[in-house]
Amino acid sequence: MSKNKIQVPEAKQAMEQFKMEAANEVGVNLKQGYNGDLTAKQAGSIGGQMVKKMIADYESRMK
């Protein structure tokens, strides 16, 4: 069972969309629901892309 909880339940759909966009950008095919068949490299590349986009967004807002 996952311990990661979205603090704002209304944001769940937006986070799923963000994850799908990041996966698409790095060339990983995600399906709706369970994606336990991903390699650690694939999952890491998705998470890394998400962080990269969040940092870029934050930096753009700081200007």
N, C-alpha and C. Protein backbone atom coordinates (compact mmCIF):
# COMPACT_ATOMS: atom_id res chain seq x y z
N MET A 1 0.84 -1.17 0.00
CA MET A 1 0.00 0.00 0.00
C MET A 1 0.90 1.24 0.00
N SER A 2 0.58 2.16 -0.85
CA SER A 2 1.39 3.38 -0.98
C SER A 2 1.19 4.31 0.20
N LYS A 3 2.30 4.89 0.66
CA LYS A 3 2.23 5.88 1.73
C LYS A 3 2.14 7.29 1.17
N ASN A 4 2.32 7.44 -0.14
CA ASN A 4 2.24 8.76 -0.76
C ASN A 4 0.79 9.18 -0.87
N LYS A 5 0.46 10.26 -0.21
CA LYS A 5 -0.91 10.77 -0.24
C LYS A 5 -0.90 12.19 -0.79
N ILE A 6 -1.81 12.46 -1.69
CA ILE A 6 -1.98 13.81 -2.19
C ILE A 6 -2.68 14.61 -1.11
N GLN A 7 -2.08 15.71 -0.71
CA GLN A 7 -2.62 16.50 0.39
C GLN A 7 -3.90 17.23 0.02
N VAL A 8 -4.07 17.52 -1.25
CA VAL A 8 -5.28 18.19 -1.71
C VAL A 8 -5.98 17.22 -2.68
N PRO A 9 -6.99 16.50 -2.19
CA PRO A 9 -7.63 15.48 -3.02
C PRO A 9 -8.13 16.00 -4.37
N GLU A 10 -8.51 17.27 -4.42
CA GLU A 10 -9.00 17.84 -5.68
C GLU A 10 -7.88 17.91 -6.73
N ALA A 11 -6.64 17.82 -6.31
CA ALA A 11 -5.51 17.93 -7.23
C ALA A 11 -5.13 16.59 -7.85
N LYS A 12 -5.77 15.51 -7.45
CA LYS A 12 -5.39 14.17 -7.92
C LYS A 12 -5.41 14.07 -9.44
N GLN A 13 -6.47 14.52 -10.07
CA GLN A 13 -6.59 14.43 -11.53
C GLN A 13 -5.51 15.25 -12.22
N ALA A 14 -5.24 16.44 -11.69
CA ALA A 14 -4.19 17.28 -12.27
C ALA A 14 -2.83 16.61 -12.17
N MET A 15 -2.55 15.96 -11.04
CA MET A 15 -1.27 15.26 -10.86
C MET A 15 -1.16 14.07 -11.81
N GLU A 16 -2.25 13.36 -12.01
CA GLU A 16 -2.24 12.24 -12.95
C GLU A 16 -1.95 12.73 -14.37
N GLN A 17 -2.56 13.84 -14.75
CA GLN A 17 -2.33 14.43 -16.07
C GLN A 17 -0.88 14.88 -16.21
N PHE A 18 -0.36 15.51 -15.17
CA PHE A 18 1.03 15.96 -15.16
C PHE A 18 1.98 14.78 -15.32
N LYS A 19 1.69 13.68 -14.62
CA LYS A 19 2.52 12.48 -14.72
C LYS A 19 2.46 11.89 -16.13
N MET A 20 1.28 11.86 -16.72
CA MET A 20 1.13 11.33 -18.09
C MET A 20 1.89 12.19 -19.09
N GLU A 21 1.83 13.51 -18.94
CA GLU A 21 2.56 14.41 -19.83
C GLU A 21 4.07 14.20 -19.70
N ALA A 22 4.55 14.09 -18.46
CA ALA A 22 5.98 13.87 -18.23
C ALA A 22 6.42 12.54 -18.83
N ALA A 23 5.62 11.50 -18.66
CA ALA A 23 5.94 10.19 -19.23
C ALA A 23 6.02 10.26 -20.75
N ASN A 24 5.08 10.96 -21.33
CA ASN A 24 5.07 11.11 -22.79
C ASN A 24 6.32 11.83 -23.27
N GLU A 25 6.73 12.86 -22.54
CA GLU A 25 7.91 13.65 -22.92
C GLU A 25 9.20 12.84 -22.88
N VAL A 26 9.27 11.85 -21.98
CA VAL A 26 10.49 11.03 -21.90
C VAL A 26 10.33 9.71 -22.63
N GLY A 27 9.20 9.52 -23.29
CA GLY A 27 9.01 8.33 -24.13
C GLY A 27 8.61 7.06 -23.39
N VAL A 28 7.97 7.21 -22.24
CA VAL A 28 7.50 6.05 -21.49
C VAL A 28 5.99 5.96 -21.64
N ASN A 29 5.50 4.78 -22.02
CA ASN A 29 4.07 4.59 -22.18
C ASN A 29 3.45 4.18 -20.85
N LEU A 30 2.65 5.07 -20.28
CA LEU A 30 1.91 4.76 -19.06
C LEU A 30 0.49 4.40 -19.43
N LYS A 31 -0.07 3.51 -18.66
CA LYS A 31 -1.48 3.20 -18.84
C LYS A 31 -2.23 3.67 -17.60
N GLN A 32 -3.51 3.87 -17.73
CA GLN A 32 -4.31 4.28 -16.58
C GLN A 32 -4.26 3.16 -15.55
N GLY A 33 -4.14 3.53 -14.29
CA GLY A 33 -4.13 2.53 -13.23
C GLY A 33 -2.73 2.04 -12.91
N TYR A 34 -2.61 0.75 -12.69
CA TYR A 34 -1.37 0.13 -12.23
C TYR A 34 -0.30 0.12 -13.31
N ASN A 35 0.90 0.55 -12.95
CA ASN A 35 2.04 0.54 -13.87
C ASN A 35 3.25 -0.12 -13.22
N GLY A 36 3.02 -1.19 -12.47
CA GLY A 36 4.08 -1.88 -11.75
C GLY A 36 5.08 -2.58 -12.64
N ASP A 37 4.81 -2.64 -13.94
CA ASP A 37 5.73 -3.30 -14.85
C ASP A 37 6.82 -2.36 -15.36
N LEU A 38 6.81 -1.11 -14.92
CA LEU A 38 7.85 -0.17 -15.34
C LEU A 38 9.18 -0.53 -14.68
N THR A 39 10.27 -0.27 -15.39
CA THR A 39 11.57 -0.45 -14.78
C THR A 39 11.85 0.74 -13.87
N ALA A 40 12.84 0.57 -12.99
CA ALA A 40 13.23 1.68 -12.11
C ALA A 40 13.72 2.86 -12.94
N LYS A 41 14.40 2.58 -14.04
CA LYS A 41 14.90 3.65 -14.91
C LYS A 41 13.74 4.43 -15.51
N GLN A 42 12.71 3.75 -15.98
CA GLN A 42 11.56 4.42 -16.56
C GLN A 42 10.83 5.26 -15.52
N ALA A 43 10.58 4.68 -14.36
CA ALA A 43 9.88 5.42 -13.30
C ALA A 43 10.70 6.63 -12.87
N GLY A 44 12.02 6.45 -12.75
CA GLY A 44 12.88 7.55 -12.36
C GLY A 44 12.91 8.66 -13.39
N SER A 45 12.86 8.28 -14.66
CA SER A 45 12.88 9.31 -15.71
C SER A 45 11.59 10.12 -15.69
N ILE A 46 10.47 9.48 -15.36
CA ILE A 46 9.21 10.21 -15.25
C ILE A 46 9.27 11.18 -14.08
N GLY A 47 9.68 10.68 -12.92
CA GLY A 47 9.78 11.53 -11.74
C GLY A 47 10.77 12.67 -11.95
N GLY A 48 11.89 12.37 -12.58
CA GLY A 48 12.89 13.39 -12.85
C GLY A 48 12.36 14.48 -13.76
N GLN A 49 11.60 14.08 -14.77
CA GLN A 49 11.01 15.05 -15.69
C GLN A 49 10.00 15.92 -14.97
N MET A 50 9.23 15.32 -14.07
CA MET A 50 8.25 16.09 -13.31
C MET A 50 8.95 17.13 -12.45
N VAL A 51 10.02 16.72 -11.77
CA VAL A 51 10.77 17.66 -10.92
C VAL A 51 11.39 18.76 -11.76
N LYS A 52 11.96 18.39 -12.91
CA LYS A 52 12.57 19.39 -13.79
C LYS A 52 11.55 20.44 -14.21
N LYS A 53 10.34 20.00 -14.55
CA LYS A 53 9.30 20.94 -14.96
C LYS A 53 8.83 21.81 -13.79
N MET A 54 8.74 21.23 -12.60
CA MET A 54 8.32 22.01 -11.43
C MET A 54 9.36 23.07 -11.09
N ILE A 55 10.64 22.72 -11.19
CA ILE A 55 11.70 23.69 -10.91
C ILE A 55 11.68 24.81 -11.94
N ALA A 56 11.52 24.45 -13.21
CA ALA A 56 11.47 25.47 -14.26
C ALA A 56 10.30 26.41 -14.04
N ASP A 57 9.16 25.87 -13.65
CA ASP A 57 7.98 26.69 -13.38
C ASP A 57 8.24 27.62 -12.20
N TYR A 58 8.82 27.09 -11.15
CA TYR A 58 9.12 27.92 -9.98
C TYR A 58 10.09 29.03 -10.32
N GLU A 59 11.15 28.69 -11.08
CA GLU A 59 12.14 29.70 -11.45
C GLU A 59 11.54 30.78 -12.32
N SER A 60 10.63 30.42 -13.21
CA SER A 60 10.00 31.40 -14.07
C SER A 60 9.11 32.36 -13.27
N ARG A 61 8.53 31.86 -12.18
CA ARG A 61 7.69 32.70 -11.32
C ARG A 61 8.53 33.62 -10.43
N MET A 62 9.79 33.29 -10.21
CA MET A 62 10.66 34.09 -9.35
C MET A 62 11.21 35.33 -10.07
N LYS A 63 11.12 35.36 -11.37
CA LYS A 63 11.68 36.49 -12.14
C LYS A 63 10.81 37.69 -12.07
